[in-house]
């Protein structure tokens, strides 16, 4: 069986070798910049890990589709940063702040196209299934982003709606990554489906952890300003849970705080502090940590339906690395 160390080294090397066309530089430099920013490279690592459960060596038929997942993910980040007006990504200026919104949109588009070029290198025997999985997932990610934007116009959303949104925006691509590795490796339908469900639950846990870190993380580690969701009135797990738990009087106070001005840094800091106070008063920060653990164990439960022993432990260690950021 391929070792986790080999997968980690291979994933890092895979992205140092990614090449894009040289000209026009205004189109392709943003792609090189985005890839150079690095990141957790979770999706290709999960894809390669799923593949390694069935195979003893890698070749281009899995390496390029695995790379496609990260390229596509970076495309969504370029566009997300434009829509969220985010100034930083991974601690560096976002693409739109360096090249402008129009340039960032076009570079994101060509990044999406590049991801399909790499997906097309999957083995011919499973290419139709791989393309269908990837295309369905790509559309679902867009649906999730639209719901996220729609929610900004609402004072609150039910937790069930919020979980559906993050399932589409985040969960399905992580689930797709796990299933794609299994598909290309020739796994059975049940094995593929259980890995998909494992990845989906981990994706939910990852997003809840991201929401937690947006409020309580370290900006130097998190890679972007703390409190962005609060400042932009984004619906996050913590605010949704706080509104669920609050009594009528506190609910009105939370809803009223959403109208606090954020024109200056002082006003932004004040709003962030106010919401963090709501979260800690209602113990929503601890609720989030519990939910991350619950979702992680749920995912491992799906994995246990097909795997045991060393293979299940490999999936558990990967899950722990994914969501251990909040501990």
Foldseek 3Di string as FASTA:
>chain_A
DDDLVNLVVVLVVLLVPDDDDPPPCLQCVLLVVLSVLPDPLLLLSLLQLLLVVQDDDDDLLSSLLSVLLVLLVSLVVLVVCVVLVFQWDQQHGHPCVVNNDVSSNNSSVVSNVSSVVSLCSHDPVCSVVLVVLVVVLSVLLVVLVVLQVVCLVPLADAPVSVLSSQLSNFLSSQLSSSLNSNSSSPHDPLLSVLSSLLSNLLRSLLQLLLLLCLQVNDCNVNTGHRPSCQQSVGDHQQLNVLCVQDDPVVNVVSSVLSPQDDPDVVSSVVSSVVSVVSSVVSVSSVVSVVSSVVSNVVSLVSNVVPDDDPSSVVSNVSSCVSNVRSD
